[in-house]
Amino acid sequence: PAGYPALRDRIAGKLTTDGRVTAAEE
């Protein structure tokens, strides 16, 4: 329901690179 863990991790990494520090759980 929250998303495939590896994809959540990749999205968190992208947002962190873009300037918003993000964890996969967010």
PDB file of all heavy atoms in Angstrom:
ATOM      1  N   PRO A   1       0.803  -1.242   0.000  1.00  0.00           N
ATOM      2  CA  PRO A   1       0.000   0.000   0.000  1.00  0.00           C
ATOM      3  C   PRO A   1       0.828   1.282   0.000  1.00  0.00           C
ATOM      4  O   PRO A   1       0.410   2.285  -0.576  1.00  0.00           O
ATOM      5  CB  PRO A   1      -0.835  -0.124   1.274  1.00  0.00           C
ATOM      6  CG  PRO A   1      -0.884  -1.581   1.565  1.00  0.00           C
ATOM      7  CD  PRO A   1       0.434  -2.134   1.113  1.00  0.00           C
ATOM      8  N   ALA A   2       1.985   1.251   0.631  1.00  0.00           N
ATOM      9  CA  ALA A   2       2.831   2.450   0.649  1.00  0.00           C
ATOM     10  C   ALA A   2       3.807   2.480  -0.514  1.00  0.00           C
ATOM     11  O   ALA A   2       4.411   3.524  -0.783  1.00  0.00           O
ATOM     12  CB  ALA A   2       3.605   2.540   1.958  1.00  0.00           C
ATOM     13  N   GLY A   3       3.942   1.356  -1.208  1.00  0.00           N
ATOM     14  CA  GLY A   3       4.860   1.301  -2.340  1.00  0.00           C
ATOM     15  C   GLY A   3       5.940   0.260  -2.155  1.00  0.00           C
ATOM     16  O   GLY A   3       6.288  -0.133  -1.031  1.00  0.00           O
ATOM     17  N   TYR A   4       6.473  -0.210  -3.258  1.00  0.00           N
ATOM     18  CA  TYR A   4       7.568  -1.180  -3.257  1.00  0.00           C
ATOM     19  C   TYR A   4       8.771  -0.547  -2.551  1.00  0.00           C
ATOM     20  O   TYR A   4       9.190   0.562  -2.892  1.00  0.00           O
ATOM     21  CB  TYR A   4       7.895  -1.549  -4.702  1.00  0.00           C
ATOM     22  CG  TYR A   4       8.995  -2.546  -4.888  1.00  0.00           C
ATOM     23  CD1 TYR A   4       8.983  -3.768  -4.227  1.00  0.00           C
ATOM     24  CD2 TYR A   4      10.057  -2.271  -5.752  1.00  0.00           C
ATOM     25  CE1 TYR A   4      10.006  -4.693  -4.415  1.00  0.00           C
ATOM     26  CE2 TYR A   4      11.082  -3.180  -5.952  1.00  0.00           C
ATOM     27  CZ  TYR A   4      11.044  -4.397  -5.273  1.00  0.00           C
ATOM     28  OH  TYR A   4      12.054  -5.305  -5.461  1.00  0.00           O
ATOM     29  N   PRO A   5       9.356  -1.214  -1.543  1.00  0.00           N
ATOM     30  CA  PRO A   5      10.418  -0.594  -0.740  1.00  0.00           C
ATOM     31  C   PRO A   5      11.572  -0.029  -1.559  1.00  0.00           C
ATOM     32  O   PRO A   5      12.065   1.072  -1.266  1.00  0.00           O
ATOM     33  CB  PRO A   5      10.865  -1.723   0.176  1.00  0.00           C
ATOM     34  CG  PRO A   5       9.649  -2.587   0.331  1.00  0.00           C
ATOM     35  CD  PRO A   5       8.964  -2.535  -1.005  1.00  0.00           C
ATOM     36  N   ALA A   6      12.029  -0.771  -2.572  1.00  0.00           N
ATOM     37  CA  ALA A   6      13.155  -0.272  -3.364  1.00  0.00           C
ATOM     38  C   ALA A   6      12.792   1.006  -4.110  1.00  0.00           C
ATOM     39  O   ALA A   6      13.626   1.912  -4.265  1.00  0.00           O
ATOM     40  CB  ALA A   6      13.615  -1.339  -4.350  1.00  0.00           C
ATOM     41  N   LEU A   7      11.541   1.114  -4.562  1.00  0.00           N
ATOM     42  CA  LEU A   7      11.118   2.323  -5.256  1.00  0.00           C
ATOM     43  C   LEU A   7      11.009   3.491  -4.281  1.00  0.00           C
ATOM     44  O   LEU A   7      11.412   4.630  -4.606  1.00  0.00           O
ATOM     45  CB  LEU A   7       9.782   2.088  -5.968  1.00  0.00           C
ATOM     46  CG  LEU A   7       9.214   3.287  -6.731  1.00  0.00           C
ATOM     47  CD1 LEU A   7      10.218   3.842  -7.731  1.00  0.00           C
ATOM     48  CD2 LEU A   7       7.907   2.903  -7.444  1.00  0.00           C
ATOM     49  N   ARG A   8      10.475   3.256  -3.097  1.00  0.00           N
ATOM     50  CA  ARG A   8      10.412   4.318  -2.091  1.00  0.00           C
ATOM     51  C   ARG A   8      11.817   4.826  -1.763  1.00  0.00           C
ATOM     52  O   ARG A   8      12.029   6.028  -1.587  1.00  0.00           O
ATOM     53  CB  ARG A   8       9.716   3.803  -0.838  1.00  0.00           C
ATOM     54  CG  ARG A   8       8.266   3.413  -1.052  1.00  0.00           C
ATOM     55  CD  ARG A   8       7.694   2.742   0.176  1.00  0.00           C
ATOM     56  NE  ARG A   8       7.450   3.694   1.247  1.00  0.00           N
ATOM     57  CZ  ARG A   8       7.169   3.329   2.508  1.00  0.00           C
ATOM     58  NH1 ARG A   8       7.143   2.036   2.838  1.00  0.00           N
ATOM     59  NH2 ARG A   8       6.953   4.246   3.437  1.00  0.00           N
ATOM     60  N   ASP A   9      12.757   3.892  -1.711  1.00  0.00           N
ATOM     61  CA  ASP A   9      14.146   4.271  -1.428  1.00  0.00           C
ATOM     62  C   ASP A   9      14.717   5.135  -2.555  1.00  0.00           C
ATOM     63  O   ASP A   9      15.393   6.136  -2.296  1.00  0.00           O
ATOM     64  CB  ASP A   9      14.986   3.012  -1.238  1.00  0.00           C
ATOM     65  CG  ASP A   9      16.411   3.345  -0.836  1.00  0.00           C
ATOM     66  OD1 ASP A   9      16.611   3.856   0.278  1.00  0.00           O
ATOM     67  OD2 ASP A   9      17.320   3.100  -1.651  1.00  0.00           O
ATOM     68  N   ARG A  10      14.444   4.764  -3.817  1.00  0.00           N
ATOM     69  CA  ARG A  10      14.944   5.550  -4.952  1.00  0.00           C
ATOM     70  C   ARG A  10      14.322   6.948  -4.962  1.00  0.00           C
ATOM     71  O   ARG A  10      15.009   7.941  -5.239  1.00  0.00           O
ATOM     72  CB  ARG A  10      14.625   4.852  -6.275  1.00  0.00           C
ATOM     73  CG  ARG A  10      15.238   3.502  -6.495  1.00  0.00           C
ATOM     74  CD  ARG A  10      16.752   3.505  -6.442  1.00  0.00           C
ATOM     75  NE  ARG A  10      17.301   2.308  -7.050  1.00  0.00           N
ATOM     76  CZ  ARG A  10      17.318   1.086  -6.488  1.00  0.00           C
ATOM     77  NH1 ARG A  10      16.780   0.900  -5.277  1.00  0.00           N
ATOM     78  NH2 ARG A  10      17.852   0.051  -7.131  1.00  0.00           N
ATOM     79  N   ILE A  11      13.017   7.041  -4.697  1.00  0.00           N
ATOM     80  CA  ILE A  11      12.350   8.351  -4.680  1.00  0.00           C
ATOM     81  C   ILE A  11      12.920   9.218  -3.565  1.00  0.00           C
ATOM     82  O   ILE A  11      13.180  10.417  -3.749  1.00  0.00           O
ATOM     83  CB  ILE A  11      10.825   8.173  -4.527  1.00  0.00           C
ATOM     84  CG1 ILE A  11      10.248   7.481  -5.768  1.00  0.00           C
ATOM     85  CG2 ILE A  11      10.141   9.521  -4.297  1.00  0.00           C
ATOM     86  CD1 ILE A  11       8.822   7.012  -5.607  1.00  0.00           C
ATOM     87  N   ALA A  12      13.158   8.617  -2.394  1.00  0.00           N
ATOM     88  CA  ALA A  12      13.760   9.371  -1.282  1.00  0.00           C
ATOM     89  C   ALA A  12      15.136   9.894  -1.670  1.00  0.00           C
ATOM     90  O   ALA A  12      15.484  11.047  -1.367  1.00  0.00           O
ATOM     91  CB  ALA A  12      13.844   8.486  -0.043  1.00  0.00           C
ATOM     92  N   GLY A  13      15.921   9.060  -2.349  1.00  0.00           N
ATOM     93  CA  GLY A  13      17.238   9.508  -2.794  1.00  0.00           C
ATOM     94  C   GLY A  13      17.149  10.650  -3.792  1.00  0.00           C
ATOM     95  O   GLY A  13      17.939  11.603  -3.740  1.00  0.00           O
ATOM     96  N   LYS A  14      16.190  10.565  -4.714  1.00  0.00           N
ATOM     97  CA  LYS A  14      16.008  11.640  -5.700  1.00  0.00           C
ATOM     98  C   LYS A  14      15.645  12.951  -5.004  1.00  0.00           C
ATOM     99  O   LYS A  14      16.221  14.003  -5.303  1.00  0.00           O
ATOM    100  CB  LYS A  14      14.896  11.260  -6.687  1.00  0.00           C
ATOM    101  CG  LYS A  14      14.547  12.373  -7.676  1.00  0.00           C
ATOM    102  CD  LYS A  14      13.233  12.082  -8.367  1.00  0.00           C
ATOM    103  CE  LYS A  14      12.853  13.145  -9.369  1.00  0.00           C
ATOM    104  NZ  LYS A  14      12.997  14.533  -8.909  1.00  0.00           N
ATOM    105  N   LEU A  15      14.670  12.905  -4.071  1.00  0.00           N
ATOM    106  CA  LEU A  15      14.261  14.122  -3.373  1.00  0.00           C
ATOM    107  C   LEU A  15      15.404  14.708  -2.546  1.00  0.00           C
ATOM    108  O   LEU A  15      15.574  15.937  -2.479  1.00  0.00           O
ATOM    109  CB  LEU A  15      13.052  13.820  -2.480  1.00  0.00           C
ATOM    110  CG  LEU A  15      11.649  14.080  -3.051  1.00  0.00           C
ATOM    111  CD1 LEU A  15      11.402  15.557  -3.229  1.00  0.00           C
ATOM    112  CD2 LEU A  15      11.426  13.332  -4.349  1.00  0.00           C
ATOM    113  N   THR A  16      16.188  13.838  -1.938  1.00  0.00           N
ATOM    114  CA  THR A  16      17.325  14.323  -1.152  1.00  0.00           C
ATOM    115  C   THR A  16      18.324  15.038  -2.051  1.00  0.00           C
ATOM    116  O   THR A  16      18.848  16.113  -1.713  1.00  0.00           O
ATOM    117  CB  THR A  16      17.992  13.153  -0.411  1.00  0.00           C
ATOM    118  OG1 THR A  16      17.042  12.561   0.492  1.00  0.00           O
ATOM    119  CG2 THR A  16      19.202  13.622   0.372  1.00  0.00           C
ATOM    120  N   THR A  17      18.591  14.454  -3.218  1.00  0.00           N
ATOM    121  CA  THR A  17      19.487  15.108  -4.179  1.00  0.00           C
ATOM    122  C   THR A  17      18.931  16.449  -4.632  1.00  0.00           C
ATOM    123  O   THR A  17      19.679  17.424  -4.819  1.00  0.00           O
ATOM    124  CB  THR A  17      19.714  14.191  -5.393  1.00  0.00           C
ATOM    125  OG1 THR A  17      20.293  12.959  -4.963  1.00  0.00           O
ATOM    126  CG2 THR A  17      20.626  14.847  -6.418  1.00  0.00           C
ATOM    127  N   ASP A  18      17.608  16.521  -4.795  1.00  0.00           N
ATOM    128  CA  ASP A  18      16.977  17.769  -5.242  1.00  0.00           C
ATOM    129  C   ASP A  18      16.927  18.832  -4.153  1.00  0.00           C
ATOM    130  O   ASP A  18      16.629  19.998  -4.447  1.00  0.00           O
ATOM    131  CB  ASP A  18      15.551  17.486  -5.729  1.00  0.00           C
ATOM    132  CG  ASP A  18      15.527  16.667  -7.012  1.00  0.00           C
ATOM    133  OD1 ASP A  18      16.570  16.603  -7.686  1.00  0.00           O
ATOM    134  OD2 ASP A  18      14.469  16.086  -7.329  1.00  0.00           O
ATOM    135  N   GLY A  19      17.183  18.449  -2.894  1.00  0.00           N
ATOM    136  CA  GLY A  19      17.231  19.454  -1.841  1.00  0.00           C
ATOM    137  C   GLY A  19      16.328  19.216  -0.662  1.00  0.00           C
ATOM    138  O   GLY A  19      16.463  19.876   0.371  1.00  0.00           O
ATOM    139  N   ARG A  20      15.387  18.259  -0.757  1.00  0.00           N
ATOM    140  CA  ARG A  20      14.542  17.921   0.390  1.00  0.00           C
ATOM    141  C   ARG A  20      15.053  16.613   0.982  1.00  0.00           C
ATOM    142  O   ARG A  20      14.872  15.538   0.387  1.00  0.00           O
ATOM    143  CB  ARG A  20      13.078  17.767  -0.015  1.00  0.00           C
ATOM    144  CG  ARG A  20      12.236  17.239   1.138  1.00  0.00           C
ATOM    145  CD  ARG A  20      10.753  17.178   0.899  1.00  0.00           C
ATOM    146  NE  ARG A  20      10.095  16.769   2.144  1.00  0.00           N
ATOM    147  CZ  ARG A  20       8.828  16.998   2.446  1.00  0.00           C
ATOM    148  NH1 ARG A  20       8.059  17.634   1.580  1.00  0.00           N
ATOM    149  NH2 ARG A  20       8.323  16.606   3.605  1.00  0.00           N
ATOM    150  N   VAL A  21      15.677  16.675   2.136  1.00  0.00           N
ATOM    151  CA  VAL A  21      16.197  15.462   2.774  1.00  0.00           C
ATOM    152  C   VAL A  21      15.023  14.557   3.126  1.00  0.00           C
ATOM    153  O   VAL A  21      14.104  14.955   3.856  1.00  0.00           O
ATOM    154  CB  VAL A  21      17.020  15.811   4.028  1.00  0.00           C
ATOM    155  CG1 VAL A  21      17.506  14.539   4.713  1.00  0.00           C
ATOM    156  CG2 VAL A  21      18.187  16.708   3.661  1.00  0.00           C
ATOM    157  N   THR A  22      15.045  13.333   2.590  1.00  0.00           N
ATOM    158  CA  THR A  22      13.882  12.450   2.672  1.00  0.00           C
ATOM    159  C   THR A  22      14.324  11.035   3.000  1.00  0.00           C
ATOM    160  O   THR A  22      15.306  10.536   2.444  1.00  0.00           O
ATOM    161  CB  THR A  22      13.113  12.445   1.332  1.00  0.00           C
ATOM    162  OG1 THR A  22      12.765  13.790   0.979  1.00  0.00           O
ATOM    163  CG2 THR A  22      11.842  11.615   1.417  1.00  0.00           C
ATOM    164  N   ALA A  23      13.567  10.370   3.871  1.00  0.00           N
ATOM    165  CA  ALA A  23      13.762   8.950   4.159  1.00  0.00           C
ATOM    166  C   ALA A  23      12.700   8.151   3.410  1.00  0.00           C
ATOM    167  O   ALA A  23      11.611   8.664   3.103  1.00  0.00           O
ATOM    168  CB  ALA A  23      13.662   8.688   5.657  1.00  0.00           C
ATOM    169  N   ALA A  24      12.999   6.897   3.142  1.00  0.00           N
ATOM    170  CA  ALA A  24      12.046   6.049   2.416  1.00  0.00           C
ATOM    171  C   ALA A  24      10.710   5.962   3.136  1.00  0.00           C
ATOM    172  O   ALA A  24       9.652   5.852   2.489  1.00  0.00           O
ATOM    173  CB  ALA A  24      12.640   4.659   2.214  1.00  0.00           C
ATOM    174  N   GLU A  25      10.721   6.029   4.460  1.00  0.00           N
ATOM    175  CA  GLU A  25       9.486   5.932   5.243  1.00  0.00           C
ATOM    176  C   GLU A  25       8.604   7.172   5.087  1.00  0.00           C
ATOM    177  O   GLU A  25       7.447   7.166   5.536  1.00  0.00           O
ATOM    178  CB  GLU A  25       9.820   5.723   6.720  1.00  0.00           C
ATOM    179  CG  GLU A  25      10.512   4.409   7.035  1.00  0.00           C
ATOM    180  CD  GLU A  25      11.982   4.398   6.642  1.00  0.00           C
ATOM    181  OE1 GLU A  25      12.553   5.508   6.458  1.00  0.00           O
ATOM    182  OE2 GLU A  25      12.552   3.302   6.506  1.00  0.00           O
ATOM    183  N   GLU A  26       9.134   8.201   4.472  1.00  0.00           N
ATOM    184  CA  GLU A  26       8.359   9.431   4.250  1.00  0.00           C
ATOM    185  C   GLU A  26       7.782   9.498   2.844  1.00  0.00           C
ATOM    186  O   GLU A  26       7.338  10.559   2.404  1.00  0.00           O
ATOM    187  CB  GLU A  26       9.257  10.646   4.499  1.00  0.00           C
ATOM    188  CG  GLU A  26       9.749  10.751   5.933  1.00  0.00           C
ATOM    189  CD  GLU A  26      10.813  11.802   6.115  1.00  0.00           C
ATOM    190  OE1 GLU A  26      11.686  11.938   5.227  1.00  0.00           O
ATOM    191  OE2 GLU A  26      10.783  12.488   7.152  1.00  0.00           O
TER     192      GLU A  26
END
